[in-house]
Amino acid sequence: MNDYYERLTSLLMEKNPNLSYGRARTWVELLWEDFETTYAKAGRKYQGKAVAEKVVRTWVIQYGDKLHEFAALNPKYAHMLNDEEDILH
């Protein structure tokens, strides 16, 4: 599982240099969890990690460069930008 997260985190950091490694990793995990939860609630059979990676990769490619803007405009996600002690890679 960690390999999936690492690949997606690296991709997100390429798309959005405004995110630290920690923030990018958190976004990847949240997007992954959101996909799996939504898929399950829809009553769909679990298709595996490869499908989840494909969907999250698509989201990162399409929206990754704007995630920091989304978080800044939505109080629920504002904490995603507040930690200045994150390690930047």
PDB file of N, CA and C in Angstrom:
ATOM      1  N   MET A   1       0.828  -1.188   0.000  1.00  0.00           N
ATOM      2  CA  MET A   1       0.000   0.000   0.000  1.00  0.00           C
ATOM      3  C   MET A   1       0.870   1.247   0.000  1.00  0.00           C
ATOM      4  N   ASN A   2       1.945   1.183   0.749  1.00  0.00           N
ATOM      5  CA  ASN A   2       2.834   2.333   0.854  1.00  0.00           C
ATOM      6  C   ASN A   2       3.395   2.732  -0.513  1.00  0.00           C
ATOM      7  N   ASP A   3       3.669   1.740  -1.371  1.00  0.00           N
ATOM      8  CA  ASP A   3       4.186   2.038  -2.714  1.00  0.00           C
ATOM      9  C   ASP A   3       3.191   2.868  -3.523  1.00  0.00           C
ATOM     10  N   TYR A   4       1.920   2.533  -3.407  1.00  0.00           N
ATOM     11  CA  TYR A   4       0.889   3.301  -4.107  1.00  0.00           C
ATOM     12  C   TYR A   4       0.898   4.747  -3.621  1.00  0.00           C
ATOM     13  N   TYR A   5       0.883   4.903  -2.310  1.00  0.00           N
ATOM     14  CA  TYR A   5       0.868   6.250  -1.725  1.00  0.00           C
ATOM     15  C   TYR A   5       2.111   7.039  -2.122  1.00  0.00           C
ATOM     16  N   GLU A   6       3.260   6.393  -2.127  1.00  0.00           N
ATOM     17  CA  GLU A   6       4.502   7.095  -2.473  1.00  0.00           C
ATOM     18  C   GLU A   6       4.486   7.584  -3.920  1.00  0.00           C
ATOM     19  N   ARG A   7       4.032   6.726  -4.828  1.00  0.00           N
ATOM     20  CA  ARG A   7       3.961   7.133  -6.238  1.00  0.00           C
ATOM     21  C   ARG A   7       3.013   8.318  -6.419  1.00  0.00           C
ATOM     22  N   LEU A   8       1.861   8.236  -5.786  1.00  0.00           N
ATOM     23  CA  LEU A   8       0.875   9.304  -5.924  1.00  0.00           C
ATOM     24  C   LEU A   8       1.327  10.585  -5.232  1.00  0.00           C
ATOM     25  N   THR A   9       2.007  10.448  -4.103  1.00  0.00           N
ATOM     26  CA  THR A   9       2.528  11.624  -3.399  1.00  0.00           C
ATOM     27  C   THR A   9       3.571  12.324  -4.253  1.00  0.00           C
ATOM     28  N   SER A  10       4.458  11.570  -4.866  1.00  0.00           N
ATOM     29  CA  SER A  10       5.472  12.161  -5.753  1.00  0.00           C
ATOM     30  C   SER A  10       4.819  12.885  -6.920  1.00  0.00           C
ATOM     31  N   LEU A  11       3.807  12.276  -7.501  1.00  0.00           N
ATOM     32  CA  LEU A  11       3.094  12.905  -8.609  1.00  0.00           C
ATOM     33  C   LEU A  11       2.426  14.204  -8.155  1.00  0.00           C
ATOM     34  N   LEU A  12       1.791  14.179  -6.999  1.00  0.00           N
ATOM     35  CA  LEU A  12       1.126  15.378  -6.491  1.00  0.00           C
ATOM     36  C   LEU A  12       2.129  16.490  -6.215  1.00  0.00           C
ATOM     37  N   MET A  13       3.283  16.146  -5.685  1.00  0.00           N
ATOM     38  CA  MET A  13       4.306  17.159  -5.424  1.00  0.00           C
ATOM     39  C   MET A  13       4.840  17.754  -6.727  1.00  0.00           C
ATOM     40  N   GLU A  14       4.892  16.962  -7.789  1.00  0.00           N
ATOM     41  CA  GLU A  14       5.283  17.490  -9.102  1.00  0.00           C
ATOM     42  C   GLU A  14       4.230  18.465  -9.618  1.00  0.00           C
ATOM     43  N   LYS A  15       2.969  18.105  -9.438  1.00  0.00           N
ATOM     44  CA  LYS A  15       1.870  18.945  -9.909  1.00  0.00           C
ATOM     45  C   LYS A  15       1.703  20.209  -9.069  1.00  0.00           C
ATOM     46  N   ASN A  16       2.032  20.118  -7.775  1.00  0.00           N
ATOM     47  CA  ASN A  16       1.778  21.238  -6.878  1.00  0.00           C
ATOM     48  C   ASN A  16       2.955  21.448  -5.929  1.00  0.00           C
ATOM     49  N   PRO A  17       3.912  22.286  -6.315  1.00  0.00           N
ATOM     50  CA  PRO A  17       5.076  22.541  -5.463  1.00  0.00           C
ATOM     51  C   PRO A  17       4.740  23.349  -4.207  1.00  0.00           C
ATOM     52  N   ASN A  18       3.491  23.818  -4.078  1.00  0.00           N
ATOM     53  CA  ASN A  18       3.067  24.531  -2.876  1.00  0.00           C
ATOM     54  C   ASN A  18       2.851  23.597  -1.695  1.00  0.00           C
ATOM     55  N   LEU A  19       2.789  22.300  -1.961  1.00  0.00           N
ATOM     56  CA  LEU A  19       2.530  21.327  -0.905  1.00  0.00           C
ATOM     57  C   LEU A  19       3.828  20.695  -0.418  1.00  0.00           C
ATOM     58  N   SER A  20       3.936  20.576   0.887  1.00  0.00           N
ATOM     59  CA  SER A  20       5.053  19.836   1.466  1.00  0.00           C
ATOM     60  C   SER A  20       4.805  18.343   1.251  1.00  0.00           C
ATOM     61  N   TYR A  21       5.819  17.541   1.530  1.00  0.00           N
ATOM     62  CA  TYR A  21       5.645  16.090   1.425  1.00  0.00           C
ATOM     63  C   TYR A  21       4.509  15.625   2.331  1.00  0.00           C
ATOM     64  N   GLY A  22       4.497  16.108   3.557  1.00  0.00           N
ATOM     65  CA  GLY A  22       3.473  15.687   4.521  1.00  0.00           C
ATOM     66  C   GLY A  22       2.071  16.031   4.064  1.00  0.00           C
ATOM     67  N   ARG A  23       1.904  17.233   3.538  1.00  0.00           N
ATOM     68  CA  ARG A  23       0.588  17.662   3.054  1.00  0.00           C
ATOM     69  C   ARG A  23       0.186  16.866   1.815  1.00  0.00           C
ATOM     70  N   ALA A  24       1.114  16.650   0.916  1.00  0.00           N
ATOM     71  CA  ALA A  24       0.812  15.879  -0.290  1.00  0.00           C
ATOM     72  C   ALA A  24       0.408  14.455   0.082  1.00  0.00           C
ATOM     73  N   ARG A  25       1.128  13.860   1.000  1.00  0.00           N
ATOM     74  CA  ARG A  25       0.809  12.493   1.435  1.00  0.00           C
ATOM     75  C   ARG A  25      -0.571  12.436   2.077  1.00  0.00           C
ATOM     76  N   THR A  26      -0.877  13.441   2.900  1.00  0.00           N
ATOM     77  CA  THR A  26      -2.188  13.488   3.539  1.00  0.00           C
ATOM     78  C   THR A  26      -3.290  13.609   2.496  1.00  0.00           C
ATOM     79  N   TRP A  27      -3.095  14.485   1.506  1.00  0.00           N
ATOM     80  CA  TRP A  27      -4.089  14.626   0.443  1.00  0.00           C
ATOM     81  C   TRP A  27      -4.292  13.303  -0.290  1.00  0.00           C
ATOM     82  N   VAL A  28      -3.211  12.616  -0.611  1.00  0.00           N
ATOM     83  CA  VAL A  28      -3.315  11.338  -1.320  1.00  0.00           C
ATOM     84  C   VAL A  28      -4.118  10.340  -0.493  1.00  0.00           C
ATOM     85  N   GLU A  29      -3.818  10.251   0.783  1.00  0.00           N
ATOM     86  CA  GLU A  29      -4.539   9.312   1.645  1.00  0.00           C
ATOM     87  C   GLU A  29      -6.011   9.684   1.757  1.00  0.00           C
ATOM     88  N   LEU A  30      -6.313  10.985   1.865  1.00  0.00           N
ATOM     89  CA  LEU A  30      -7.709  11.426   1.941  1.00  0.00           C
ATOM     90  C   LEU A  30      -8.458  11.136   0.645  1.00  0.00           C
ATOM     91  N   LEU A  31      -7.830  11.403  -0.485  1.00  0.00           N
ATOM     92  CA  LEU A  31      -8.475  11.124  -1.768  1.00  0.00           C
ATOM     93  C   LEU A  31      -8.717   9.628  -1.952  1.00  0.00           C
ATOM     94  N   TRP A  32      -7.735   8.821  -1.562  1.00  0.00           N
ATOM     95  CA  TRP A  32      -7.856   7.359  -1.666  1.00  0.00           C
ATOM     96  C   TRP A  32      -9.018   6.877  -0.809  1.00  0.00           C
ATOM     97  N   GLU A  33      -9.043   7.333   0.431  1.00  0.00           N
ATOM     98  CA  GLU A  33     -10.104   6.929   1.356  1.00  0.00           C
ATOM     99  C   GLU A  33     -11.466   7.395   0.851  1.00  0.00           C
ATOM    100  N   ASP A  34     -11.531   8.609   0.326  1.00  0.00           N
ATOM    101  CA  ASP A  34     -12.789   9.131  -0.198  1.00  0.00           C
ATOM    102  C   ASP A  34     -13.294   8.273  -1.350  1.00  0.00           C
ATOM    103  N   PHE A  35     -12.400   7.895  -2.247  1.00  0.00           N
ATOM    104  CA  PHE A  35     -12.804   7.044  -3.362  1.00  0.00           C
ATOM    105  C   PHE A  35     -13.340   5.709  -2.864  1.00  0.00           C
ATOM    106  N   GLU A  36     -12.597   5.047  -1.987  1.00  0.00           N
ATOM    107  CA  GLU A  36     -13.021   3.735  -1.507  1.00  0.00           C
ATOM    108  C   GLU A  36     -14.337   3.816  -0.740  1.00  0.00           C
ATOM    109  N   THR A  37     -14.509   4.853   0.069  1.00  0.00           N
ATOM    110  CA  THR A  37     -15.737   5.018   0.844  1.00  0.00           C
ATOM    111  C   THR A  37     -16.927   5.268  -0.074  1.00  0.00           C
ATOM    112  N   THR A  38     -16.758   6.148  -1.021  1.00  0.00           N
ATOM    113  CA  THR A  38     -17.840   6.470  -1.956  1.00  0.00           C
ATOM    114  C   THR A  38     -18.210   5.249  -2.788  1.00  0.00           C
ATOM    115  N   TYR A  39     -17.224   4.510  -3.225  1.00  0.00           N
ATOM    116  CA  TYR A  39     -17.447   3.303  -4.016  1.00  0.00           C
ATOM    117  C   TYR A  39     -18.239   2.277  -3.210  1.00  0.00           C
ATOM    118  N   ALA A  40     -17.861   2.111  -1.945  1.00  0.00           N
ATOM    119  CA  ALA A  40     -18.548   1.152  -1.079  1.00  0.00           C
ATOM    120  C   ALA A  40     -19.986   1.591  -0.795  1.00  0.00           C
ATOM    121  N   LYS A  41     -20.182   2.872  -0.537  1.00  0.00           N
ATOM    122  CA  LYS A  41     -21.531   3.381  -0.263  1.00  0.00           C
ATOM    123  C   LYS A  41     -22.446   3.211  -1.470  1.00  0.00           C
ATOM    124  N   ALA A  42     -21.870   3.226  -2.645  1.00  0.00           N
ATOM    125  CA  ALA A  42     -22.654   3.045  -3.867  1.00  0.00           C
ATOM    126  C   ALA A  42     -23.005   1.576  -4.094  1.00  0.00           C
ATOM    127  N   GLY A  43     -22.506   0.698  -3.225  1.00  0.00           N
ATOM    128  CA  GLY A  43     -22.807  -0.719  -3.332  1.00  0.00           C
ATOM    129  C   GLY A  43     -21.991  -1.453  -4.373  1.00  0.00           C
ATOM    130  N   ARG A  44     -20.905  -0.855  -4.770  1.00  0.00           N
ATOM    131  CA  ARG A  44     -20.059  -1.483  -5.791  1.00  0.00           C
ATOM    132  C   ARG A  44     -19.078  -2.467  -5.163  1.00  0.00           C
ATOM    133  N   LYS A  45     -18.738  -3.495  -5.914  1.00  0.00           N
ATOM    134  CA  LYS A  45     -17.754  -4.471  -5.464  1.00  0.00           C
ATOM    135  C   LYS A  45     -16.366  -3.840  -5.528  1.00  0.00           C
ATOM    136  N   TYR A  46     -15.557  -4.099  -4.507  1.00  0.00           N
ATOM    137  CA  TYR A  46     -14.211  -3.540  -4.448  1.00  0.00           C
ATOM    138  C   TYR A  46     -13.384  -4.071  -5.611  1.00  0.00           C
ATOM    139  N   GLN A  47     -12.772  -3.174  -6.357  1.00  0.00           N
ATOM    140  CA  GLN A  47     -12.017  -3.545  -7.552  1.00  0.00           C
ATOM    141  C   GLN A  47     -10.513  -3.655  -7.316  1.00  0.00           C
ATOM    142  N   GLY A  48     -10.063  -3.345  -6.121  1.00  0.00           N
ATOM    143  CA  GLY A  48      -8.645  -3.493  -5.818  1.00  0.00           C
ATOM    144  C   GLY A  48      -7.882  -2.184  -5.810  1.00  0.00           C
ATOM    145  N   LYS A  49      -6.647  -2.294  -5.358  1.00  0.00           N
ATOM    146  CA  LYS A  49      -5.785  -1.120  -5.200  1.00  0.00           C
ATOM    147  C   LYS A  49      -5.421  -0.481  -6.534  1.00  0.00           C
ATOM    148  N   ALA A  50      -5.290  -1.285  -7.570  1.00  0.00           N
ATOM    149  CA  ALA A  50      -4.916  -0.737  -8.879  1.00  0.00           C
ATOM    150  C   ALA A  50      -5.982   0.229  -9.395  1.00  0.00           C
ATOM    151  N   VAL A  51      -7.240  -0.100  -9.176  1.00  0.00           N
ATOM    152  CA  VAL A  51      -8.323   0.782  -9.611  1.00  0.00           C
ATOM    153  C   VAL A  51      -8.338   2.046  -8.762  1.00  0.00           C
ATOM    154  N   ALA A  52      -8.167   1.893  -7.461  1.00  0.00           N
ATOM    155  CA  ALA A  52      -8.116   3.071  -6.584  1.00  0.00           C
ATOM    156  C   ALA A  52      -6.958   3.978  -6.989  1.00  0.00           C
ATOM    157  N   GLU A  53      -5.804   3.391  -7.290  1.00  0.00           N
ATOM    158  CA  GLU A  53      -4.661   4.198  -7.711  1.00  0.00           C
ATOM    159  C   GLU A  53      -4.972   4.942  -9.014  1.00  0.00           C
ATOM    160  N   LYS A  54      -5.609   4.274  -9.942  1.00  0.00           N
ATOM    161  CA  LYS A  54      -5.939   4.903 -11.226  1.00  0.00           C
ATOM    162  C   LYS A  54      -6.855   6.109 -11.024  1.00  0.00           C
ATOM    163  N   VAL A  55      -7.860   5.965 -10.178  1.00  0.00           N
ATOM    164  CA  VAL A  55      -8.803   7.059  -9.926  1.00  0.00           C
ATOM    165  C   VAL A  55      -8.108   8.215  -9.224  1.00  0.00           C
ATOM    166  N   VAL A  56      -7.346   7.923  -8.176  1.00  0.00           N
ATOM    167  CA  VAL A  56      -6.655   8.985  -7.444  1.00  0.00           C
ATOM    168  C   VAL A  56      -5.624   9.659  -8.349  1.00  0.00           C
ATOM    169  N   ARG A  57      -4.939   8.900  -9.169  1.00  0.00           N
ATOM    170  CA  ARG A  57      -3.975   9.474 -10.119  1.00  0.00           C
ATOM    171  C   ARG A  57      -4.686  10.462 -11.053  1.00  0.00           C
ATOM    172  N   THR A  58      -5.849  10.085 -11.540  1.00  0.00           N
ATOM    173  CA  THR A  58      -6.621  10.972 -12.411  1.00  0.00           C
ATOM    174  C   THR A  58      -6.979  12.261 -11.683  1.00  0.00           C
ATOM    175  N   TRP A  59      -7.426  12.156 -10.429  1.00  0.00           N
ATOM    176  CA  TRP A  59      -7.768  13.347  -9.643  1.00  0.00           C
ATOM    177  C   TRP A  59      -6.546  14.226  -9.424  1.00  0.00           C
ATOM    178  N   VAL A  60      -5.415  13.607  -9.116  1.00  0.00           N
ATOM    179  CA  VAL A  60      -4.184  14.373  -8.882  1.00  0.00           C
ATOM    180  C   VAL A  60      -3.775  15.109 -10.158  1.00  0.00           C
ATOM    181  N   ILE A  61      -3.850  14.433 -11.286  1.00  0.00           N
ATOM    182  CA  ILE A  61      -3.483  15.066 -12.555  1.00  0.00           C
ATOM    183  C   ILE A  61      -4.423  16.229 -12.869  1.00  0.00           C
ATOM    184  N   GLN A  62      -5.717  16.030 -12.639  1.00  0.00           N
ATOM    185  CA  GLN A  62      -6.692  17.063 -12.984  1.00  0.00           C
ATOM    186  C   GLN A  62      -6.750  18.207 -11.979  1.00  0.00           C
ATOM    187  N   TYR A  63      -6.638  17.898 -10.691  1.00  0.00           N
ATOM    188  CA  TYR A  63      -6.882  18.905  -9.658  1.00  0.00           C
ATOM    189  C   TYR A  63      -5.707  19.166  -8.731  1.00  0.00           C
ATOM    190  N   GLY A  64      -4.636  18.423  -8.884  1.00  0.00           N
ATOM    191  CA  GLY A  64      -3.515  18.512  -7.952  1.00  0.00           C
ATOM    192  C   GLY A  64      -2.910  19.888  -7.818  1.00  0.00           C
ATOM    193  N   ASP A  65      -2.843  20.626  -8.911  1.00  0.00           N
ATOM    194  CA  ASP A  65      -2.226  21.949  -8.858  1.00  0.00           C
ATOM    195  C   ASP A  65      -3.101  22.984  -8.159  1.00  0.00           C
ATOM    196  N   LYS A  66      -4.344  22.608  -7.840  1.00  0.00           N
ATOM    197  CA  LYS A  66      -5.269  23.544  -7.201  1.00  0.00           C
ATOM    198  C   LYS A  66      -5.674  23.132  -5.788  1.00  0.00           C
ATOM    199  N   LEU A  67      -5.152  22.047  -5.276  1.00  0.00           N
ATOM    200  CA  LEU A  67      -5.585  21.571  -3.962  1.00  0.00           C
ATOM    201  C   LEU A  67      -5.323  22.581  -2.859  1.00  0.00           C
ATOM    202  N   HIS A  68      -4.201  23.292  -2.921  1.00  0.00           N
ATOM    203  CA  HIS A  68      -3.914  24.279  -1.877  1.00  0.00           C
ATOM    204  C   HIS A  68      -4.929  25.424  -1.924  1.00  0.00           C
ATOM    205  N   GLU A  69      -5.442  25.762  -3.112  1.00  0.00           N
ATOM    206  CA  GLU A  69      -6.468  26.800  -3.234  1.00  0.00           C
ATOM    207  C   GLU A  69      -7.793  26.303  -2.661  1.00  0.00           C
ATOM    208  N   PHE A  70      -8.131  25.065  -2.945  1.00  0.00           N
ATOM    209  CA  PHE A  70      -9.357  24.469  -2.426  1.00  0.00           C
ATOM    210  C   PHE A  70      -9.343  24.478  -0.907  1.00  0.00           C
ATOM    211  N   ALA A  71      -8.241  24.078  -0.332  1.00  0.00           N
ATOM    212  CA  ALA A  71      -8.135  24.031   1.125  1.00  0.00           C
ATOM    213  C   ALA A  71      -8.244  25.418   1.731  1.00  0.00           C
ATOM    214  N   ALA A  72      -7.651  26.399   1.094  1.00  0.00           N
ATOM    215  CA  ALA A  72      -7.682  27.763   1.624  1.00  0.00           C
ATOM    216  C   ALA A  72      -9.092  28.343   1.613  1.00  0.00           C
ATOM    217  N   LEU A  73      -9.919  27.929   0.680  1.00  0.00           N
ATOM    218  CA  LEU A  73     -11.273  28.468   0.557  1.00  0.00           C
ATOM    219  C   LEU A  73     -12.314  27.703   1.361  1.00  0.00           C
ATOM    220  N   ASN A  74     -11.952  26.572   1.911  1.00  0.00           N
ATOM    221  CA  ASN A  74     -12.894  25.737   2.641  1.00  0.00           C
ATOM    222  C   ASN A  74     -12.418  25.525   4.070  1.00  0.00           C
ATOM    223  N   PRO A  75     -13.118  26.111   5.041  1.00  0.00           N
ATOM    224  CA  PRO A  75     -12.694  26.026   6.442  1.00  0.00           C
ATOM    225  C   PRO A  75     -12.473  24.589   6.926  1.00  0.00           C
ATOM    226  N   LYS A  76     -13.251  23.646   6.405  1.00  0.00           N
ATOM    227  CA  LYS A  76     -13.104  22.251   6.806  1.00  0.00           C
ATOM    228  C   LYS A  76     -11.704  21.724   6.502  1.00  0.00           C
ATOM    229  N   TYR A  77     -11.071  22.264   5.452  1.00  0.00           N
ATOM    230  CA  TYR A  77      -9.763  21.794   5.027  1.00  0.00           C
ATOM    231  C   TYR A  77      -8.646  22.803   5.272  1.00  0.00           C
ATOM    232  N   ALA A  78      -8.956  23.929   5.891  1.00  0.00           N
ATOM    233  CA  ALA A  78      -7.961  24.991   6.093  1.00  0.00           C
ATOM    234  C   ALA A  78      -6.746  24.500   6.876  1.00  0.00           C
ATOM    235  N   HIS A  79      -6.967  23.580   7.807  1.00  0.00           N
ATOM    236  CA  HIS A  79      -5.845  23.055   8.596  1.00  0.00           C
ATOM    237  C   HIS A  79      -4.796  22.364   7.720  1.00  0.00           C
ATOM    238  N   MET A  80      -5.174  22.017   6.505  1.00  0.00           N
ATOM    239  CA  MET A  80      -4.238  21.348   5.604  1.00  0.00           C
ATOM    240  C   MET A  80      -3.086  22.258   5.195  1.00  0.00           C
ATOM    241  N   LEU A  81      -3.223  23.567   5.425  1.00  0.00           N
ATOM    242  CA  LEU A  81      -2.188  24.514   5.017  1.00  0.00           C
ATOM    243  C   LEU A  81      -1.496  25.196   6.181  1.00  0.00           C
ATOM    244  N   ASN A  82      -1.900  24.938   7.398  1.00  0.00           N
ATOM    245  CA  ASN A  82      -1.452  25.735   8.532  1.00  0.00           C
ATOM    246  C   ASN A  82      -0.149  25.305   9.181  1.00  0.00           C
ATOM    247  N   ASP A  83       0.351  24.161   8.918  1.00  0.00           N
ATOM    248  CA  ASP A  83       1.530  23.676   9.618  1.00  0.00           C
ATOM    249  C   ASP A  83       2.799  24.073   8.879  1.00  0.00           C
ATOM    250  N   GLU A  84       3.499  25.062   9.401  1.00  0.00           N
ATOM    251  CA  GLU A  84       4.722  25.538   8.749  1.00  0.00           C
ATOM    252  C   GLU A  84       5.938  24.679   9.084  1.00  0.00           C
ATOM    253  N   GLU A  85       5.757  23.681   9.913  1.00  0.00           N
ATOM    254  CA  GLU A  85       6.875  22.820  10.287  1.00  0.00           C
ATOM    255  C   GLU A  85       6.975  21.589   9.389  1.00  0.00           C
ATOM    256  N   ASP A  86       6.177  21.530   8.350  1.00  0.00           N
ATOM    257  CA  ASP A  86       6.260  20.402   7.427  1.00  0.00           C
ATOM    258  C   ASP A  86       7.631  20.358   6.773  1.00  0.00           C
ATOM    259  N   ILE A  87       8.044  19.172   6.429  1.00  0.00           N
ATOM    260  CA  ILE A  87       9.311  18.985   5.732  1.00  0.00           C
ATOM    261  C   ILE A  87       9.050  19.126   4.238  1.00  0.00           C
ATOM    262  N   LEU A  88       9.755  20.027   3.597  1.00  0.00           N
ATOM    263  CA  LEU A  88       9.644  20.179   2.152  1.00  0.00           C
ATOM    264  C   LEU A  88      10.709  19.329   1.478  1.00  0.00           C
ATOM    265  N   HIS A  89      10.318  18.588   0.448  1.00  0.00           N
ATOM    266  CA  HIS A  89      11.273  17.748  -0.287  1.00  0.00           C
ATOM    267  C   HIS A  89      11.506  18.333  -1.638  1.00  0.00           C
TER     268      HIS A  89
END
